[in-house]
Amino acid sequence: MNIRQGERLKVVCVLATSVGLLLSGLSSAQAAAKSMANCQVVMIPKTTDNPFYAAIHFGADQAATELKGKKVQFAGTAQADSQGQIQRVQASATNKTCILNPAAVDASAIVPSLKAAAKKGVKIVAFDADIADKSARTLFITQDSTDALGKGMFIELATQMNNKGDWAILSAQSTAQNQNAWIAGMMKESKNPKYAGMKLVKTVYGDDDDKKSYDEAIALLNAYPNLSGVMAPEPAGVGALSKAKDDLKYNTALVITGLGWLPGQGDQLKSGKLKAFFLWSPVDLGYLTYYADAALISGKITGKKGDTFMAGRLGKMTVGADGEVNMHGMQRYTADNVDAGLEGYRIK
């Protein structure tokens, strides 16, 4: 229905809104659009310098345009900074923010500030990295299930290593809920007897920072000259390991996999330097997060298990246990599908 078809229809729509959009016959997207027009969404990513989060921002703004909502405010810090996130939560709570979308650097430290914001009427919808206390947010928008991501990444590493040899992990922050959950999923899968020939020797942390990740990669490869594989469940780690391997002239058979960045590391798939890695469309993750925000504000969902809502091009989504909305977006990238996947990584 076109809500601009004449003054009479405008009046009807305004009256219907005042007594309840569910009675007006409008589509859920139009209902959400009316609600989001005056709703300021503030996204607090782990970092603003990371193109992954820039692509999420792009996707959220795509959804805002479709729903005629305000552009999303991107209020993170340039580098991962838990205290900086807390300060931005506190500032947003006093600035008439409608919804906060945090991706927590420290899953526990951010909780008190989110609870304080919620008491002021701010809705909390986490994305990408959950928070430790699920009662401090209504929804969590996740890329895929922890088991699917952790298990899938480990099986890829093990397959390339022929199920034998020493391996290590280069993760992001030691406090990041998503990284730790994926690693837990890897360790669960690694207990299968068929992986008895594999040994985890070290886990190090690069904090999602290119330089620190590179320094940690250099130190790791120097300390363990006989590694058969390294898992990096974040793109900065994949890039750092690949560069460190070249710079140290490390064993060319060293397997590197995990979560890669298609626009920057896709050429390494094409050249054969990397065989495969995983990720999901960050554009779609931001897009889904905004649609979930809109569904919550419109009253279409409350965060209860079994709630459903339409998320534009992504279709029907269902709220699972503990307010989790699973995008089921995990993709395995190889030389064969690099180019086809690039649209999901746009930042402008």
Foldseek 3Di string as FASTA:
>chain_A
DDCPPDPVSVVLCVVCVVVAVVPSPDDLLQLLLVLQQPAAEEEEEQAPLDLLVLLLLLLLQVLCVSSVHDRHHYQYHHAGDQVSSLVVLQVCLVVRHAEYEYQHPAQEPNQVSLQVSVVSVYAYEYEDFHHDDLVSHLAYEYAADLLCQLVVLLVVQCVLLVLAFEEEEEEAHPRTRSRVSSVVSVVVNCPPVSNVRYHYDYYHHQNLDLVSLLVVLLVVCVVPLGGQEYEYQDASNLVSNLVSCVVVVGDQNYAYEHAHDLVVCVVCLQVVSHFKYKDFQSSVRSQQSNQVVSCCSSVQDVLDFQRWDQRPPLGIWTQHPSNYTYSPGMDMDGNVCSVVPCVSSDSD
